[in-house]
C-alpha atoms as a PDB file:
ATOM      1  CA  UNK A   1       0.000   0.000   0.000  1.00  0.00           C
ATOM      2  CA  UNK A   2       1.187   3.498  -0.754  1.00  0.00           C
ATOM      3  CA  UNK A   3       0.296   5.232   2.500  1.00  0.00           C
ATOM      4  CA  UNK A   4       0.680   8.777   1.199  1.00  0.00           C
ATOM      5  CA  UNK A   5      -1.710   8.140  -1.702  1.00  0.00           C
ATOM      6  CA  UNK A   6      -4.073   6.203   0.551  1.00  0.00           C
ATOM      7  CA  UNK A   7      -4.200   9.021   3.100  1.00  0.00           C
ATOM      8  CA  UNK A   8      -4.671  11.653   0.390  1.00  0.00           C
ATOM      9  CA  UNK A   9      -7.714   9.760  -0.868  1.00  0.00           C
ATOM     10  CA  UNK A  10      -9.020   9.256   2.645  1.00  0.00           C
ATOM     11  CA  UNK A  11      -8.723  12.977   3.401  1.00  0.00           C
ATOM     12  CA  UNK A  12     -10.672  13.787   0.202  1.00  0.00           C
ATOM     13  CA  UNK A  13     -13.371  11.318   1.247  1.00  0.00           C
ATOM     14  CA  UNK A  14     -13.590  12.862   4.709  1.00  0.00           C
ATOM     15  CA  UNK A  15     -13.862  16.396   3.294  1.00  0.00           C
ATOM     16  CA  UNK A  16     -16.725  15.218   1.068  1.00  0.00           C
ATOM     17  CA  UNK A  17     -18.451  13.515   3.975  1.00  0.00           C
ATOM     18  CA  UNK A  18     -17.965  16.565   6.203  1.00  0.00           C
ATOM     19  CA  UNK A  19     -19.654  18.722   3.558  1.00  0.00           C
ATOM     20  CA  UNK A  20     -22.616  16.337   3.497  1.00  0.00           C
ATOM     21  CA  UNK A  21     -23.136  16.412   7.288  1.00  0.00           C
ATOM     22  CA  UNK A  22     -21.506  19.617   8.546  1.00  0.00           C
ATOM     23  CA  UNK A  23     -23.162  19.712  11.974  1.00  0.00           C
ATOM     24  CA  UNK A  24     -22.256  16.116  12.739  1.00  0.00           C
ATOM     25  CA  UNK A  25     -18.703  16.734  11.545  1.00  0.00           C
ATOM     26  CA  UNK A  26     -18.441  19.829  13.707  1.00  0.00           C
ATOM     27  CA  UNK A  27     -19.561  17.782  16.706  1.00  0.00           C
ATOM     28  CA  UNK A  28     -16.911  15.146  16.031  1.00  0.00           C
ATOM     29  CA  UNK A  29     -14.305  17.896  15.630  1.00  0.00           C
ATOM     30  CA  UNK A  30     -15.300  19.350  19.008  1.00  0.00           C
ATOM     31  CA  UNK A  31     -14.984  15.906  20.612  1.00  0.00           C
ATOM     32  CA  UNK A  32     -11.556  15.419  19.039  1.00  0.00           C
ATOM     33  CA  UNK A  33     -10.287  18.784  20.258  1.00  0.00           C
ATOM     34  CA  UNK A  34     -11.575  18.098  23.768  1.00  0.00           C
ATOM     35  CA  UNK A  35      -9.953  14.650  23.872  1.00  0.00           C
ATOM     36  CA  UNK A  36      -6.627  16.136  22.796  1.00  0.00           C
ATOM     37  CA  UNK A  37      -6.677  18.984  25.302  1.00  0.00           C
ATOM     38  CA  UNK A  38      -5.409  16.992  28.275  1.00  0.00           C
ATOM     39  CA  UNK A  39      -3.598  18.912  30.968  1.00  0.00           C
ATOM     40  CA  UNK A  40      -2.078  15.733  32.405  1.00  0.00           C
ATOM     41  CA  UNK A  41      -0.906  13.634  29.438  1.00  0.00           C
ATOM     42  CA  UNK A  42       1.278  14.967  26.645  1.00  0.00           C
ATOM     43  CA  UNK A  43       0.185  14.919  22.994  1.00  0.00           C
ATOM     44  CA  UNK A  44       2.624  12.189  22.010  1.00  0.00           C
ATOM     45  CA  UNK A  45       1.307   9.835  24.683  1.00  0.00           C
ATOM     46  CA  UNK A  46      -2.275  10.500  23.612  1.00  0.00           C
ATOM     47  CA  UNK A  47      -1.323   9.700  20.021  1.00  0.00           C
ATOM     48  CA  UNK A  48       0.395   6.475  21.125  1.00  0.00           C
ATOM     49  CA  UNK A  49      -2.852   5.431  22.821  1.00  0.00           C
ATOM     50  CA  UNK A  50      -4.771   6.287  19.660  1.00  0.00           C
ATOM     51  CA  UNK A  51      -2.325   4.300  17.522  1.00  0.00           C
ATOM     52  CA  UNK A  52      -2.696   1.247  19.761  1.00  0.00           C
ATOM     53  CA  UNK A  53      -6.476   1.462  19.516  1.00  0.00           C
ATOM     54  CA  UNK A  54      -6.210   1.938  15.734  1.00  0.00           C
ATOM     55  CA  UNK A  55      -4.273  -1.328  15.484  1.00  0.00           C
ATOM     56  CA  UNK A  56      -6.675  -3.141  17.816  1.00  0.00           C
ATOM     57  CA  UNK A  57      -9.694  -1.893  15.865  1.00  0.00           C
ATOM     58  CA  UNK A  58      -7.984  -2.653  12.529  1.00  0.00           C
ATOM     59  CA  UNK A  59      -8.567   0.833  11.156  1.00  0.00           C
ATOM     60  CA  UNK A  60      -6.059   1.579   8.399  1.00  0.00           C
ATOM     61  CA  UNK A  61      -7.054   5.254   7.975  1.00  0.00           C
ATOM     62  CA  UNK A  62      -6.807   5.723  11.747  1.00  0.00           C
ATOM     63  CA  UNK A  63      -3.311   4.236  11.669  1.00  0.00           C
ATOM     64  CA  UNK A  64      -2.347   6.747   8.985  1.00  0.00           C
ATOM     65  CA  UNK A  65      -3.777   9.745  10.833  1.00  0.00           C
ATOM     66  CA  UNK A  66      -2.116   8.830  14.122  1.00  0.00           C
ATOM     67  CA  UNK A  67       1.229   8.046  12.489  1.00  0.00           C
ATOM     68  CA  UNK A  68       1.093  11.500  10.869  1.00  0.00           C
ATOM     69  CA  UNK A  69       0.335  13.027  14.270  1.00  0.00           C
ATOM     70  CA  UNK A  70       3.160  11.092  15.930  1.00  0.00           C
ATOM     71  CA  UNK A  71       5.622  12.318  13.319  1.00  0.00           C
ATOM     72  CA  UNK A  72       4.553  15.890  14.142  1.00  0.00           C
ATOM     73  CA  UNK A  73       4.918  15.133  17.874  1.00  0.00           C
ATOM     74  CA  UNK A  74       8.521  14.057  17.369  1.00  0.00           C
ATOM     75  CA  UNK A  75       8.042  10.349  18.051  1.00  0.00           C
ATOM     76  CA  UNK A  76      10.788   7.984  16.984  1.00  0.00           C
ATOM     77  CA  UNK A  77      10.476   4.753  15.037  1.00  0.00           C
ATOM     78  CA  UNK A  78      11.704   2.899  18.122  1.00  0.00           C
ATOM     79  CA  UNK A  79       8.948   4.410  20.281  1.00  0.00           C
ATOM     80  CA  UNK A  80       6.340   3.551  17.662  1.00  0.00           C
ATOM     81  CA  UNK A  81       7.672  -0.015  17.478  1.00  0.00           C
ATOM     82  CA  UNK A  82       7.432  -0.372  21.274  1.00  0.00           C
ATOM     83  CA  UNK A  83       3.821   0.814  21.250  1.00  0.00           C
ATOM     84  CA  UNK A  84       3.035  -1.558  18.381  1.00  0.00           C
ATOM     85  CA  UNK A  85       4.626  -4.380  20.368  1.00  0.00           C
ATOM     86  CA  UNK A  86       2.228  -3.702  23.228  1.00  0.00           C
ATOM     87  CA  UNK A  87      -0.697  -3.601  20.791  1.00  0.00           C
ATOM     88  CA  UNK A  88       0.452  -6.988  19.499  1.00  0.00           C
ATOM     89  CA  UNK A  89       0.683  -8.392  23.032  1.00  0.00           C
ATOM     90  CA  UNK A  90      -2.874  -7.263  23.729  1.00  0.00           C
ATOM     91  CA  UNK A  91      -4.397  -8.221  20.389  1.00  0.00           C
ATOM     92  CA  UNK A  92      -2.563 -11.329  19.194  1.00  0.00           C
ATOM     93  CA  UNK A  93      -2.351 -12.358  15.547  1.00  0.00           C
ATOM     94  CA  UNK A  94      -4.772  -9.803  14.072  1.00  0.00           C
ATOM     95  CA  UNK A  95      -2.853  -7.010  15.809  1.00  0.00           C
ATOM     96  CA  UNK A  96       0.388  -8.373  14.357  1.00  0.00           C
ATOM     97  CA  UNK A  97      -1.015  -7.823  10.866  1.00  0.00           C
ATOM     98  CA  UNK A  98      -2.048  -4.245  11.584  1.00  0.00           C
ATOM     99  CA  UNK A  99       1.050  -3.433  13.657  1.00  0.00           C
ATOM    100  CA  UNK A 100       3.160  -4.398  10.650  1.00  0.00           C
ATOM    101  CA  UNK A 101       1.013  -2.122   8.480  1.00  0.00           C
ATOM    102  CA  UNK A 102       1.487   0.695  10.984  1.00  0.00           C
ATOM    103  CA  UNK A 103       5.277   0.328  10.957  1.00  0.00           C
ATOM    104  CA  UNK A 104       5.220   0.303   7.145  1.00  0.00           C
ATOM    105  CA  UNK A 105       3.144   3.484   7.289  1.00  0.00           C
ATOM    106  CA  UNK A 106       5.750   5.072   9.592  1.00  0.00           C
ATOM    107  CA  UNK A 107       8.567   4.075   7.268  1.00  0.00           C
ATOM    108  CA  UNK A 108       6.816   5.484   4.198  1.00  0.00           C
ATOM    109  CA  UNK A 109       5.669   8.701   5.873  1.00  0.00           C
ATOM    110  CA  UNK A 110       9.133   9.454   7.245  1.00  0.00           C
ATOM    111  CA  UNK A 111      11.059   8.515   4.085  1.00  0.00           C
END
């Protein structure tokens, strides 16, 4: 999978969906901003949690969005790999498949 192309298409799809249901999209945006406004946990840690859930839920677009956010937060490949290892421990074989996709996403997005 070409993650950059995949995410570009996903972002176009989301913009189209947001235009179709602007009030619902605004509500989701408000929820997202509130969830990311922690005064006790740093942004990188919140994104690591989100990445682990993305792997557990098998959500490829979510993986892409949270990898992009982790890159912006200054995460390292080693940190991402550690988080993916924990996701694997919690989720078994299916998480292995999506953890490997997430690391591939990291590698492509940081290349």
